[in-house]
Amino acid sequence: PLAQFPMPAYDLVPLREYFLSSIQFSSGCPYTCEFCDIPALYGRNPRLKTPAQVCAELDRLVAGGAQAVYFVDDNFIGNQKAALALLPHLVDWQVRNRYPLRLSCEGTLNIARNEKILALMREAGFVTIFCGIETPEPHALHAMSKDQNLRLPIVEAVERINRHGLEVVSGIIIGLDTDTPETADHIVEFIRASNIPILTINILYALPKTPLWERLARE
């Protein structure tokens, strides 16, 4: 249980020499994207630290010289109720300490539908969200069981996050079974339309413990 997780030995790391420090609030993700091994490794019901644990770790990080902290949670909003409970504590911590940290995280694109979370994230000092967009092609997202990216039109979701002062960075996957000769053009068009400033292009890889691995093994 993450609530029993020990305080990391941040004092052993020369934090001032790192562009980003890291912290973890939750582990696991409720979704079952075909290519992803997180649910099999860490579970679909995210385990959580307490807000007090997170704030204590932030105290230690700042004491060590950290200026930017990345929440390495598999999905920061894997449990939206828990994220909503944590964020006011982060706001209070930043105000109390005069905003010493820039925060970032990774989360699913359906975060764009929760205006309350986005507003609190901005107030808490979040500046960047990594969203695994994977592909701009809706049929491909459906085929990989990533329908959570289809709750809003993708460009609209990115723009909604941007309007809250949060930068979206993302990952794209090529080599999907659904790719066609036009897929590359669709990706370039999407990048231009979304204005995402940093975007990684990754080749599909079948990891063990994923539905993709199991499907390919059957086939």
N, C-alpha and C. Protein backbone atom coordinates (compact mmCIF):
# COMPACT_ATOMS: atom_id res chain seq x y z
N PRO A 1 0.83 -1.21 0.00
CA PRO A 1 0.00 0.00 0.00
C PRO A 1 0.86 1.27 0.00
N LEU A 2 0.53 2.20 -0.89
CA LEU A 2 1.35 3.42 -0.96
C LEU A 2 1.25 4.25 0.31
N ALA A 3 0.15 4.10 1.05
CA ALA A 3 0.03 4.84 2.31
C ALA A 3 1.08 4.39 3.32
N GLN A 4 1.69 3.22 3.11
CA GLN A 4 2.74 2.72 3.98
C GLN A 4 4.13 2.90 3.36
N PHE A 5 4.18 3.61 2.25
CA PHE A 5 5.45 3.77 1.53
C PHE A 5 6.39 4.66 2.33
N PRO A 6 7.67 4.28 2.46
CA PRO A 6 8.60 5.12 3.22
C PRO A 6 8.96 6.41 2.49
N MET A 7 9.40 7.38 3.23
CA MET A 7 9.88 8.62 2.62
C MET A 7 11.12 8.33 1.78
N PRO A 8 11.10 8.66 0.49
CA PRO A 8 12.31 8.45 -0.31
C PRO A 8 13.49 9.24 0.27
N ALA A 9 14.69 8.70 0.09
CA ALA A 9 15.90 9.34 0.64
C ALA A 9 16.36 10.45 -0.29
N TYR A 10 15.53 11.49 -0.41
CA TYR A 10 15.85 12.59 -1.31
C TYR A 10 17.17 13.28 -0.95
N ASP A 11 17.54 13.21 0.33
CA ASP A 11 18.77 13.89 0.76
C ASP A 11 20.02 13.24 0.18
N LEU A 12 19.90 12.04 -0.39
CA LEU A 12 21.06 11.38 -1.00
C LEU A 12 21.26 11.80 -2.46
N VAL A 13 20.34 12.62 -2.98
CA VAL A 13 20.40 13.01 -4.40
C VAL A 13 20.73 14.50 -4.50
N PRO A 14 21.70 14.88 -5.34
CA PRO A 14 22.00 16.32 -5.54
C PRO A 14 20.91 16.96 -6.42
N LEU A 15 19.77 17.25 -5.82
CA LEU A 15 18.59 17.65 -6.59
C LEU A 15 18.80 18.90 -7.42
N ARG A 16 19.69 19.79 -6.97
CA ARG A 16 19.92 21.03 -7.73
C ARG A 16 20.51 20.75 -9.11
N GLU A 17 21.07 19.57 -9.31
CA GLU A 17 21.70 19.24 -10.58
C GLU A 17 20.71 18.63 -11.58
N TYR A 18 19.45 18.47 -11.17
CA TYR A 18 18.46 17.82 -12.03
C TYR A 18 17.44 18.82 -12.55
N PHE A 19 17.10 18.67 -13.85
CA PHE A 19 16.07 19.52 -14.44
C PHE A 19 14.72 19.26 -13.80
N LEU A 20 14.42 17.99 -13.52
CA LEU A 20 13.16 17.60 -12.90
C LEU A 20 13.42 16.65 -11.73
N SER A 21 12.69 16.86 -10.66
CA SER A 21 12.61 15.86 -9.60
C SER A 21 11.29 15.11 -9.76
N SER A 22 11.12 14.01 -9.07
CA SER A 22 9.90 13.22 -9.26
C SER A 22 9.27 12.84 -7.94
N ILE A 23 7.96 12.63 -8.02
CA ILE A 23 7.17 12.25 -6.85
C ILE A 23 6.03 11.36 -7.35
N GLN A 24 5.51 10.50 -6.51
CA GLN A 24 4.40 9.63 -6.90
C GLN A 24 3.28 9.74 -5.89
N PHE A 25 2.07 9.98 -6.41
CA PHE A 25 0.87 10.04 -5.58
C PHE A 25 0.06 8.75 -5.69
N SER A 26 -0.03 8.20 -6.90
CA SER A 26 -0.85 7.01 -7.11
C SER A 26 -0.13 6.03 -8.03
N SER A 27 -0.57 4.77 -8.01
CA SER A 27 0.00 3.75 -8.87
C SER A 27 -1.12 2.88 -9.43
N GLY A 28 -1.16 2.76 -10.75
CA GLY A 28 -2.20 1.98 -11.40
C GLY A 28 -3.07 2.85 -12.29
N CYS A 29 -3.88 2.20 -13.13
CA CYS A 29 -4.75 2.93 -14.06
C CYS A 29 -5.98 2.08 -14.35
N PRO A 30 -7.17 2.70 -14.36
CA PRO A 30 -8.40 1.92 -14.56
C PRO A 30 -8.64 1.49 -16.00
N TYR A 31 -7.89 2.05 -16.95
CA TYR A 31 -8.16 1.77 -18.36
C TYR A 31 -7.37 0.55 -18.83
N THR A 32 -7.75 0.01 -19.97
CA THR A 32 -7.13 -1.21 -20.49
C THR A 32 -6.69 -1.00 -21.94
N CYS A 33 -5.91 0.02 -22.19
CA CYS A 33 -5.39 0.26 -23.54
C CYS A 33 -4.57 -0.95 -23.99
N GLU A 34 -4.76 -1.38 -25.22
CA GLU A 34 -4.22 -2.66 -25.66
C GLU A 34 -2.71 -2.76 -25.52
N PHE A 35 -1.98 -1.67 -25.76
CA PHE A 35 -0.52 -1.71 -25.80
C PHE A 35 0.13 -1.53 -24.42
N CYS A 36 -0.66 -1.24 -23.39
CA CYS A 36 -0.12 -0.79 -22.10
C CYS A 36 -0.09 -1.93 -21.08
N ASP A 37 1.04 -2.00 -20.34
CA ASP A 37 1.19 -3.05 -19.33
C ASP A 37 0.89 -2.58 -17.90
N ILE A 38 0.53 -1.30 -17.73
CA ILE A 38 0.32 -0.75 -16.40
C ILE A 38 -0.78 -1.49 -15.63
N PRO A 39 -1.97 -1.74 -16.21
CA PRO A 39 -3.01 -2.43 -15.42
C PRO A 39 -2.57 -3.80 -14.93
N ALA A 40 -1.83 -4.55 -15.77
CA ALA A 40 -1.38 -5.88 -15.37
C ALA A 40 -0.30 -5.80 -14.29
N LEU A 41 0.57 -4.81 -14.38
CA LEU A 41 1.67 -4.69 -13.42
C LEU A 41 1.21 -4.08 -12.10
N TYR A 42 0.40 -3.04 -12.16
CA TYR A 42 0.10 -2.24 -10.96
C TYR A 42 -1.37 -2.18 -10.59
N GLY A 43 -2.24 -2.79 -11.41
CA GLY A 43 -3.64 -2.85 -11.05
C GLY A 43 -4.49 -1.76 -11.68
N ARG A 44 -5.79 -2.02 -11.73
CA ARG A 44 -6.73 -1.07 -12.31
C ARG A 44 -7.37 -0.17 -11.26
N ASN A 45 -7.18 -0.47 -9.99
CA ASN A 45 -7.70 0.36 -8.91
C ASN A 45 -6.51 1.08 -8.28
N PRO A 46 -6.26 2.34 -8.66
CA PRO A 46 -5.03 3.01 -8.23
C PRO A 46 -4.87 3.02 -6.71
N ARG A 47 -3.67 2.63 -6.27
CA ARG A 47 -3.30 2.76 -4.86
C ARG A 47 -2.80 4.18 -4.63
N LEU A 48 -3.00 4.71 -3.43
CA LEU A 48 -2.80 6.13 -3.20
C LEU A 48 -1.92 6.40 -1.97
N LYS A 49 -1.13 7.47 -2.06
CA LYS A 49 -0.55 8.06 -0.86
C LYS A 49 -1.54 9.07 -0.30
N THR A 50 -1.32 9.48 0.93
CA THR A 50 -2.18 10.50 1.53
C THR A 50 -1.67 11.88 1.12
N PRO A 51 -2.54 12.89 1.11
CA PRO A 51 -2.05 14.25 0.85
C PRO A 51 -0.93 14.67 1.80
N ALA A 52 -1.00 14.24 3.07
CA ALA A 52 0.05 14.59 4.03
C ALA A 52 1.39 14.00 3.60
N GLN A 53 1.38 12.76 3.10
CA GLN A 53 2.63 12.16 2.60
C GLN A 53 3.20 12.97 1.45
N VAL A 54 2.35 13.33 0.50
CA VAL A 54 2.81 14.07 -0.67
C VAL A 54 3.41 15.41 -0.25
N CYS A 55 2.73 16.13 0.63
CA CYS A 55 3.25 17.44 1.07
C CYS A 55 4.56 17.30 1.84
N ALA A 56 4.69 16.25 2.63
CA ALA A 56 5.93 16.02 3.35
C ALA A 56 7.08 15.75 2.38
N GLU A 57 6.79 15.00 1.30
CA GLU A 57 7.83 14.73 0.31
C GLU A 57 8.19 16.02 -0.44
N LEU A 58 7.21 16.86 -0.73
CA LEU A 58 7.50 18.13 -1.38
C LEU A 58 8.38 19.00 -0.48
N ASP A 59 8.12 18.99 0.83
CA ASP A 59 8.98 19.72 1.77
C ASP A 59 10.43 19.26 1.62
N ARG A 60 10.62 17.94 1.56
CA ARG A 60 11.97 17.38 1.47
C ARG A 60 12.62 17.71 0.13
N LEU A 61 11.83 17.69 -0.93
CA LEU A 61 12.37 18.01 -2.26
C LEU A 61 12.84 19.46 -2.33
N VAL A 62 12.02 20.38 -1.81
CA VAL A 62 12.39 21.79 -1.84
C VAL A 62 13.62 22.03 -0.96
N ALA A 63 13.67 21.37 0.18
CA ALA A 63 14.84 21.51 1.06
C ALA A 63 16.12 21.08 0.36
N GLY A 64 15.99 20.11 -0.58
CA GLY A 64 17.15 19.64 -1.31
C GLY A 64 17.48 20.46 -2.54
N GLY A 65 16.66 21.46 -2.84
CA GLY A 65 16.97 22.34 -3.96
C GLY A 65 16.15 22.13 -5.21
N ALA A 66 15.12 21.28 -5.17
CA ALA A 66 14.28 21.05 -6.35
C ALA A 66 13.50 22.31 -6.71
N GLN A 67 13.33 22.54 -8.01
CA GLN A 67 12.54 23.66 -8.50
C GLN A 67 11.37 23.23 -9.37
N ALA A 68 11.45 22.01 -9.89
CA ALA A 68 10.36 21.48 -10.72
C ALA A 68 10.16 20.01 -10.35
N VAL A 69 8.90 19.62 -10.20
CA VAL A 69 8.59 18.25 -9.76
C VAL A 69 7.57 17.63 -10.70
N TYR A 70 7.87 16.41 -11.13
CA TYR A 70 7.00 15.67 -12.04
C TYR A 70 6.30 14.55 -11.28
N PHE A 71 4.97 14.56 -11.31
CA PHE A 71 4.19 13.46 -10.72
C PHE A 71 4.25 12.29 -11.71
N VAL A 72 4.93 11.21 -11.30
CA VAL A 72 5.16 10.09 -12.21
C VAL A 72 4.01 9.08 -12.20
N ASP A 73 2.89 9.43 -11.61
CA ASP A 73 1.71 8.55 -11.61
C ASP A 73 1.42 8.08 -13.04
N ASP A 74 1.03 6.82 -13.16
CA ASP A 74 0.66 6.30 -14.48
C ASP A 74 -0.46 7.13 -15.09
N ASN A 75 -1.35 7.61 -14.25
CA ASN A 75 -2.44 8.47 -14.70
C ASN A 75 -2.87 9.31 -13.50
N PHE A 76 -2.53 10.59 -13.50
CA PHE A 76 -2.81 11.45 -12.36
C PHE A 76 -4.29 11.48 -12.00
N ILE A 77 -5.16 11.27 -13.00
CA ILE A 77 -6.60 11.26 -12.74
C ILE A 77 -7.17 9.84 -12.87
N GLY A 78 -6.32 8.83 -12.62
CA GLY A 78 -6.83 7.46 -12.60
C GLY A 78 -7.95 7.30 -11.58
N ASN A 79 -7.85 8.07 -10.49
CA ASN A 79 -8.93 8.18 -9.51
C ASN A 79 -9.22 9.67 -9.38
N GLN A 80 -10.23 10.14 -10.11
CA GLN A 80 -10.49 11.59 -10.16
C GLN A 80 -10.92 12.14 -8.80
N LYS A 81 -11.65 11.34 -8.03
CA LYS A 81 -12.07 11.79 -6.71
C LYS A 81 -10.85 12.02 -5.82
N ALA A 82 -9.86 11.12 -5.90
CA ALA A 82 -8.65 11.27 -5.10
C ALA A 82 -7.84 12.48 -5.56
N ALA A 83 -7.76 12.70 -6.87
CA ALA A 83 -7.04 13.87 -7.38
C ALA A 83 -7.69 15.15 -6.89
N LEU A 84 -9.03 15.18 -6.91
CA LEU A 84 -9.74 16.37 -6.41
C LEU A 84 -9.50 16.59 -4.92
N ALA A 85 -9.34 15.51 -4.17
CA ALA A 85 -9.07 15.64 -2.74
C ALA A 85 -7.64 16.11 -2.48
N LEU A 86 -6.70 15.71 -3.34
CA LEU A 86 -5.30 16.10 -3.15
C LEU A 86 -5.04 17.55 -3.53
N LEU A 87 -5.65 18.02 -4.61
CA LEU A 87 -5.28 19.31 -5.19
C LEU A 87 -5.42 20.50 -4.23
N PRO A 88 -6.47 20.61 -3.42
CA PRO A 88 -6.50 21.74 -2.47
C PRO A 88 -5.31 21.73 -1.50
N HIS A 89 -4.83 20.55 -1.13
CA HIS A 89 -3.65 20.47 -0.27
C HIS A 89 -2.42 20.99 -1.00
N LEU A 90 -2.32 20.70 -2.30
CA LEU A 90 -1.19 21.22 -3.07
C LEU A 90 -1.27 22.74 -3.21
N VAL A 91 -2.48 23.25 -3.42
CA VAL A 91 -2.65 24.71 -3.49
C VAL A 91 -2.21 25.35 -2.18
N ASP A 92 -2.69 24.82 -1.06
CA ASP A 92 -2.32 25.38 0.24
C ASP A 92 -0.81 25.30 0.46
N TRP A 93 -0.21 24.18 0.06
CA TRP A 93 1.24 24.02 0.24
C TRP A 93 2.01 25.06 -0.58
N GLN A 94 1.61 25.26 -1.82
CA GLN A 94 2.29 26.24 -2.67
C GLN A 94 2.13 27.67 -2.12
N VAL A 95 0.92 28.00 -1.68
CA VAL A 95 0.69 29.34 -1.12
C VAL A 95 1.52 29.54 0.14
N ARG A 96 1.51 28.53 1.00
CA ARG A 96 2.25 28.60 2.26
C ARG A 96 3.75 28.77 2.04
N ASN A 97 4.25 28.16 0.96
CA ASN A 97 5.70 28.20 0.68
C ASN A 97 6.06 29.18 -0.44
N ARG A 98 5.10 30.01 -0.84
CA ARG A 98 5.30 31.03 -1.87
C ARG A 98 5.67 30.43 -3.22
N TYR A 99 5.00 29.38 -3.58
CA TYR A 99 5.11 28.75 -4.91
C TYR A 99 6.56 28.48 -5.32
N PRO A 100 7.25 27.59 -4.62
CA PRO A 100 8.64 27.30 -4.98
C PRO A 100 8.79 26.32 -6.13
N LEU A 101 7.69 25.64 -6.53
CA LEU A 101 7.80 24.54 -7.49
C LEU A 101 6.90 24.73 -8.71
N ARG A 102 7.42 24.32 -9.87
CA ARG A 102 6.60 24.10 -11.06
C ARG A 102 6.26 22.61 -11.08
N LEU A 103 5.01 22.30 -11.31
CA LEU A 103 4.56 20.91 -11.26
C LEU A 103 4.12 20.44 -12.65
N SER A 104 4.29 19.15 -12.90
CA SER A 104 3.82 18.54 -14.14
C SER A 104 3.39 17.11 -13.83
N CYS A 105 2.67 16.49 -14.77
CA CYS A 105 2.16 15.14 -14.54
C CYS A 105 1.80 14.51 -15.87
N GLU A 106 1.36 13.26 -15.81
CA GLU A 106 0.78 12.63 -16.99
C GLU A 106 -0.63 12.16 -16.66
N GLY A 107 -1.50 12.31 -17.64
CA GLY A 107 -2.89 11.93 -17.40
C GLY A 107 -3.59 11.66 -18.71
N THR A 108 -4.71 10.99 -18.65
CA THR A 108 -5.48 10.70 -19.85
C THR A 108 -6.19 11.97 -20.34
N LEU A 109 -6.42 12.01 -21.66
CA LEU A 109 -6.91 13.23 -22.29
C LEU A 109 -8.30 13.61 -21.81
N ASN A 110 -9.05 12.67 -21.25
CA ASN A 110 -10.38 13.01 -20.74
C ASN A 110 -10.33 13.93 -19.53
N ILE A 111 -9.13 14.28 -19.08
CA ILE A 111 -8.99 15.31 -18.04
C ILE A 111 -9.60 16.62 -18.52
N ALA A 112 -9.67 16.81 -19.84
CA ALA A 112 -10.21 18.05 -20.40
C ALA A 112 -11.68 18.25 -20.04
N ARG A 113 -12.37 17.19 -19.68
CA ARG A 113 -13.80 17.30 -19.34
C ARG A 113 -14.02 17.77 -17.91
N ASN A 114 -12.98 17.73 -17.09
CA ASN A 114 -13.15 18.08 -15.67
C ASN A 114 -12.57 19.47 -15.41
N GLU A 115 -13.40 20.47 -15.61
CA GLU A 115 -12.95 21.85 -15.47
C GLU A 115 -12.48 22.16 -14.04
N LYS A 116 -13.10 21.52 -13.06
CA LYS A 116 -12.72 21.78 -11.67
C LYS A 116 -11.29 21.31 -11.41
N ILE A 117 -10.95 20.11 -11.90
CA ILE A 117 -9.60 19.61 -11.73
C ILE A 117 -8.60 20.50 -12.45
N LEU A 118 -8.92 20.92 -13.67
CA LEU A 118 -7.99 21.77 -14.43
C LEU A 118 -7.75 23.10 -13.71
N ALA A 119 -8.81 23.70 -13.19
CA ALA A 119 -8.65 24.97 -12.48
C ALA A 119 -7.80 24.81 -11.23
N LEU A 120 -8.03 23.73 -10.49
CA LEU A 120 -7.24 23.49 -9.28
C LEU A 120 -5.79 23.16 -9.63
N MET A 121 -5.57 22.42 -10.71
CA MET A 121 -4.20 22.11 -11.11
C MET A 121 -3.44 23.39 -11.43
N ARG A 122 -4.06 24.28 -12.15
CA ARG A 122 -3.39 25.55 -12.47
C ARG A 122 -3.09 26.33 -11.20
N GLU A 123 -4.07 26.36 -10.30
CA GLU A 123 -3.87 27.09 -9.04
C GLU A 123 -2.77 26.45 -8.20
N ALA A 124 -2.59 25.14 -8.36
CA ALA A 124 -1.57 24.42 -7.59
C ALA A 124 -0.18 24.53 -8.22
N GLY A 125 -0.07 25.19 -9.36
CA GLY A 125 1.24 25.38 -9.96
C GLY A 125 1.61 24.37 -11.02
N PHE A 126 0.64 23.59 -11.52
CA PHE A 126 0.93 22.70 -12.64
C PHE A 126 1.10 23.53 -13.91
N VAL A 127 2.10 23.18 -14.71
CA VAL A 127 2.33 23.90 -15.95
C VAL A 127 2.25 23.01 -17.18
N THR A 128 2.45 21.69 -17.00
CA THR A 128 2.50 20.78 -18.14
C THR A 128 1.78 19.47 -17.80
N ILE A 129 1.03 18.94 -18.77
CA ILE A 129 0.42 17.62 -18.66
C ILE A 129 0.85 16.81 -19.87
N PHE A 130 1.42 15.64 -19.63
CA PHE A 130 1.69 14.71 -20.72
C PHE A 130 0.45 13.85 -20.93
N CYS A 131 -0.09 13.88 -22.14
CA CYS A 131 -1.26 13.08 -22.49
C CYS A 131 -0.89 12.09 -23.59
N GLY A 132 -1.15 10.83 -23.37
CA GLY A 132 -0.90 9.83 -24.40
C GLY A 132 -2.01 9.87 -25.44
N ILE A 133 -1.85 10.69 -26.44
CA ILE A 133 -2.88 10.82 -27.47
C ILE A 133 -2.83 9.62 -28.41
N GLU A 134 -1.64 9.12 -28.71
CA GLU A 134 -1.36 7.89 -29.45
C GLU A 134 -1.63 7.99 -30.95
N THR A 135 -2.80 8.50 -31.33
CA THR A 135 -3.14 8.65 -32.74
C THR A 135 -4.30 9.63 -32.86
N PRO A 136 -4.33 10.43 -33.93
CA PRO A 136 -5.49 11.30 -34.13
C PRO A 136 -6.65 10.60 -34.84
N GLU A 137 -6.48 9.32 -35.18
CA GLU A 137 -7.51 8.61 -35.94
C GLU A 137 -8.48 7.91 -34.99
N PRO A 138 -9.75 8.36 -34.95
CA PRO A 138 -10.71 7.80 -33.99
C PRO A 138 -10.88 6.29 -34.09
N HIS A 139 -10.90 5.74 -35.30
CA HIS A 139 -11.09 4.30 -35.44
C HIS A 139 -9.92 3.53 -34.83
N ALA A 140 -8.72 4.12 -34.90
CA ALA A 140 -7.55 3.47 -34.32
C ALA A 140 -7.60 3.50 -32.80
N LEU A 141 -8.06 4.61 -32.23
CA LEU A 141 -8.22 4.69 -30.78
C LEU A 141 -9.23 3.67 -30.29
N HIS A 142 -10.31 3.52 -31.03
CA HIS A 142 -11.32 2.52 -30.64
C HIS A 142 -10.74 1.11 -30.72
N ALA A 143 -9.94 0.85 -31.75
CA ALA A 143 -9.37 -0.48 -31.92
C ALA A 143 -8.40 -0.84 -30.80
N MET A 144 -7.71 0.16 -30.24
CA MET A 144 -6.76 -0.10 -29.16
C MET A 144 -7.41 0.04 -27.77
N SER A 145 -8.73 0.19 -27.74
CA SER A 145 -9.49 0.31 -26.49
C SER A 145 -9.10 1.57 -25.71
N LYS A 146 -8.88 2.66 -26.44
CA LYS A 146 -8.58 3.93 -25.78
C LYS A 146 -9.69 4.94 -26.08
N ASP A 147 -10.92 4.52 -25.81
CA ASP A 147 -12.08 5.38 -26.09
C ASP A 147 -12.13 6.60 -25.17
N GLN A 148 -11.38 6.58 -24.06
CA GLN A 148 -11.38 7.76 -23.19
C GLN A 148 -10.82 8.99 -23.90
N ASN A 149 -10.03 8.79 -24.98
CA ASN A 149 -9.54 9.92 -25.77
C ASN A 149 -10.59 10.48 -26.72
N LEU A 150 -11.74 9.82 -26.76
CA LEU A 150 -12.79 10.23 -27.70
C LEU A 150 -13.95 10.92 -27.01
N ARG A 151 -13.81 11.22 -25.70
CA ARG A 151 -14.91 11.87 -24.97
C ARG A 151 -15.17 13.28 -25.51
N LEU A 152 -14.11 13.89 -26.06
CA LEU A 152 -14.22 15.18 -26.75
C LEU A 152 -13.40 15.06 -28.03
N PRO A 153 -13.69 15.86 -29.07
CA PRO A 153 -12.77 15.91 -30.20
C PRO A 153 -11.36 16.24 -29.70
N ILE A 154 -10.35 15.56 -30.22
CA ILE A 154 -9.01 15.63 -29.62
C ILE A 154 -8.46 17.05 -29.61
N VAL A 155 -8.55 17.77 -30.72
CA VAL A 155 -8.01 19.14 -30.76
C VAL A 155 -8.77 20.02 -29.78
N GLU A 156 -10.08 19.84 -29.67
CA GLU A 156 -10.87 20.61 -28.71
C GLU A 156 -10.42 20.32 -27.27
N ALA A 157 -10.12 19.06 -26.98
CA ALA A 157 -9.65 18.70 -25.64
C ALA A 157 -8.33 19.38 -25.33
N VAL A 158 -7.42 19.38 -26.29
CA VAL A 158 -6.12 20.05 -26.09
C VAL A 158 -6.33 21.54 -25.86
N GLU A 159 -7.18 22.16 -26.66
CA GLU A 159 -7.43 23.60 -26.52
C GLU A 159 -8.05 23.92 -25.17
N ARG A 160 -8.93 23.05 -24.69
CA ARG A 160 -9.58 23.30 -23.40
C ARG A 160 -8.54 23.25 -22.27
N ILE A 161 -7.62 22.30 -22.33
CA ILE A 161 -6.54 22.25 -21.33
C ILE A 161 -5.67 23.49 -21.42
N ASN A 162 -5.33 23.89 -22.66
CA ASN A 162 -4.51 25.08 -22.85
C ASN A 162 -5.17 26.34 -22.28
N ARG A 163 -6.49 26.42 -22.40
CA ARG A 163 -7.19 27.62 -21.90
C ARG A 163 -7.05 27.78 -20.39
N HIS A 164 -6.73 26.69 -19.70
CA HIS A 164 -6.49 26.78 -18.26
C HIS A 164 -5.03 27.07 -17.94
N GLY A 165 -4.26 27.44 -18.97
CA GLY A 165 -2.86 27.79 -18.74
C GLY A 165 -1.94 26.60 -18.61
N LEU A 166 -2.39 25.45 -19.07
CA LEU A 166 -1.61 24.22 -18.96
C LEU A 166 -1.14 23.78 -20.35
N GLU A 167 0.16 23.51 -20.46
CA GLU A 167 0.73 23.05 -21.72
C GLU A 167 0.50 21.55 -21.86
N VAL A 168 0.12 21.12 -23.05
CA VAL A 168 -0.04 19.69 -23.34
C VAL A 168 1.17 19.22 -24.14
N VAL A 169 1.86 18.20 -23.64
CA VAL A 169 2.84 17.48 -24.44
C VAL A 169 2.30 16.07 -24.61
N SER A 170 2.80 15.36 -25.60
CA SER A 170 2.10 14.12 -25.93
C SER A 170 3.01 13.09 -26.57
N GLY A 171 2.45 11.89 -26.73
CA GLY A 171 3.10 10.80 -27.43
C GLY A 171 2.19 10.28 -28.53
N ILE A 172 2.79 9.88 -29.64
CA ILE A 172 2.08 9.30 -30.77
C ILE A 172 2.71 7.94 -31.06
N ILE A 173 1.89 6.97 -31.44
CA ILE A 173 2.38 5.64 -31.78
C ILE A 173 2.14 5.38 -33.27
N ILE A 174 3.18 4.91 -33.98
CA ILE A 174 2.99 4.46 -35.36
C ILE A 174 3.29 2.96 -35.42
N GLY A 175 2.73 2.32 -36.44
CA GLY A 175 2.89 0.88 -36.58
C GLY A 175 1.67 0.12 -36.11
N LEU A 176 0.56 0.84 -35.89
CA LEU A 176 -0.68 0.18 -35.48
C LEU A 176 -1.26 -0.63 -36.64
N ASP A 177 -2.01 -1.67 -36.31
CA ASP A 177 -2.66 -2.47 -37.35
C ASP A 177 -3.58 -1.62 -38.21
N THR A 178 -4.10 -0.55 -37.64
CA THR A 178 -5.06 0.30 -38.34
C THR A 178 -4.40 1.37 -39.20
N ASP A 179 -3.07 1.51 -39.12
CA ASP A 179 -2.39 2.53 -39.91
C ASP A 179 -2.56 2.28 -41.41
N THR A 180 -2.65 3.37 -42.15
CA THR A 180 -2.75 3.32 -43.61
C THR A 180 -1.68 4.25 -44.19
N PRO A 181 -1.50 4.27 -45.51
CA PRO A 181 -0.55 5.22 -46.11
C PRO A 181 -0.88 6.68 -45.79
N GLU A 182 -2.12 6.96 -45.39
CA GLU A 182 -2.50 8.34 -45.08
C GLU A 182 -2.24 8.71 -43.62
N THR A 183 -1.92 7.75 -42.78
CA THR A 183 -1.79 8.00 -41.34
C THR A 183 -0.75 9.06 -41.04
N ALA A 184 0.40 9.01 -41.71
CA ALA A 184 1.46 9.99 -41.44
C ALA A 184 0.97 11.41 -41.71
N ASP A 185 0.24 11.59 -42.81
CA ASP A 185 -0.31 12.92 -43.12
C ASP A 185 -1.30 13.36 -42.05
N HIS A 186 -2.12 12.42 -41.56
CA HIS A 186 -3.08 12.77 -40.51
C HIS A 186 -2.36 13.20 -39.24
N ILE A 187 -1.24 12.56 -38.92
CA ILE A 187 -0.48 12.93 -37.73
C ILE A 187 0.09 14.34 -37.87
N VAL A 188 0.68 14.64 -39.04
CA VAL A 188 1.25 15.97 -39.27
C VAL A 188 0.16 17.04 -39.20
N GLU A 189 -0.98 16.75 -39.80
CA GLU A 189 -2.10 17.70 -39.75
C GLU A 189 -2.54 17.93 -38.30
N PHE A 190 -2.59 16.87 -37.52
CA PHE A 190 -2.99 17.00 -36.12
C PHE A 190 -1.99 17.84 -35.33
N ILE A 191 -0.70 17.60 -35.54
CA ILE A 191 0.32 18.36 -34.81
C ILE A 191 0.17 19.85 -35.12
N ARG A 192 -0.04 20.18 -36.38
CA ARG A 192 -0.20 21.59 -36.76
C ARG A 192 -1.47 22.19 -36.17
N ALA A 193 -2.55 21.44 -36.18
CA ALA A 193 -3.82 21.95 -35.69
C ALA A 193 -3.82 22.11 -34.17
N SER A 194 -3.14 21.20 -33.45
CA SER A 194 -3.19 21.21 -31.98
C SER A 194 -2.16 22.14 -31.35
N ASN A 195 -1.11 22.51 -32.12
CA ASN A 195 -0.03 23.35 -31.58
C ASN A 195 0.67 22.72 -30.38
N ILE A 196 0.69 21.40 -30.30
CA ILE A 196 1.43 20.73 -29.23
C ILE A 196 2.92 20.96 -29.45
N PRO A 197 3.63 21.54 -28.48
CA PRO A 197 5.02 21.95 -28.72
C PRO A 197 6.04 20.82 -28.65
N ILE A 198 5.77 19.78 -27.85
CA ILE A 198 6.71 18.67 -27.72
C ILE A 198 5.91 17.38 -27.88
N LEU A 199 6.32 16.56 -28.84
CA LEU A 199 5.55 15.37 -29.14
C LEU A 199 6.51 14.26 -29.57
N THR A 200 6.44 13.12 -28.90
CA THR A 200 7.30 12.00 -29.24
C THR A 200 6.57 11.08 -30.21
N ILE A 201 7.30 10.56 -31.17
CA ILE A 201 6.74 9.59 -32.12
C ILE A 201 7.38 8.24 -31.80
N ASN A 202 6.57 7.28 -31.40
CA ASN A 202 7.08 5.98 -30.95
C ASN A 202 6.56 4.87 -31.85
N ILE A 203 7.40 3.86 -32.08
CA ILE A 203 6.98 2.69 -32.84
C ILE A 203 6.31 1.70 -31.89
N LEU A 204 5.19 1.15 -32.31
CA LEU A 204 4.46 0.19 -31.48
C LEU A 204 5.35 -0.98 -31.10
N TYR A 205 5.30 -1.34 -29.82
CA TYR A 205 6.08 -2.47 -29.33
C TYR A 205 5.17 -3.32 -28.46
N ALA A 206 5.19 -4.61 -28.69
CA ALA A 206 4.32 -5.51 -27.92
C ALA A 206 5.03 -5.92 -26.64
N LEU A 207 4.63 -5.31 -25.53
CA LEU A 207 5.20 -5.65 -24.23
C LEU A 207 4.50 -6.87 -23.65
N PRO A 208 5.24 -7.72 -22.94
CA PRO A 208 4.57 -8.81 -22.21
C PRO A 208 3.55 -8.23 -21.23
N LYS A 209 2.56 -9.02 -20.89
CA LYS A 209 1.51 -8.65 -19.94
C LYS A 209 0.54 -7.61 -20.50
N THR A 210 0.53 -7.44 -21.82
CA THR A 210 -0.42 -6.51 -22.42
C THR A 210 -1.44 -7.28 -23.26
N PRO A 211 -2.65 -6.73 -23.43
CA PRO A 211 -3.61 -7.35 -24.35
C PRO A 211 -3.05 -7.48 -25.77
N LEU A 212 -2.18 -6.51 -26.17
CA LEU A 212 -1.58 -6.58 -27.50
C LEU A 212 -0.71 -7.83 -27.64
N TRP A 213 0.13 -8.09 -26.65
CA TRP A 213 0.98 -9.28 -26.65
C TRP A 213 0.12 -10.55 -26.78
N GLU A 214 -0.93 -10.60 -25.97
CA GLU A 214 -1.81 -11.78 -25.97
C GLU A 214 -2.51 -11.96 -27.30
N ARG A 215 -2.95 -10.85 -27.90
CA ARG A 215 -3.62 -10.96 -29.20
C ARG A 215 -2.65 -11.44 -30.28
N LEU A 216 -1.46 -10.86 -30.29
CA LEU A 216 -0.49 -11.28 -31.31
C LEU A 216 -0.07 -12.73 -31.11
N ALA A 217 0.03 -13.16 -29.86
CA ALA A 217 0.38 -14.56 -29.60
C ALA A 217 -0.70 -15.50 -30.14
N ARG A 218 -1.96 -15.09 -29.96
CA ARG A 218 -3.06 -15.92 -30.50
C ARG A 218 -3.04 -15.94 -32.01
N GLU A 219 -2.71 -14.79 -32.62
CA GLU A 219 -2.76 -14.67 -34.07
C GLU A 219 -1.57 -15.33 -34.75
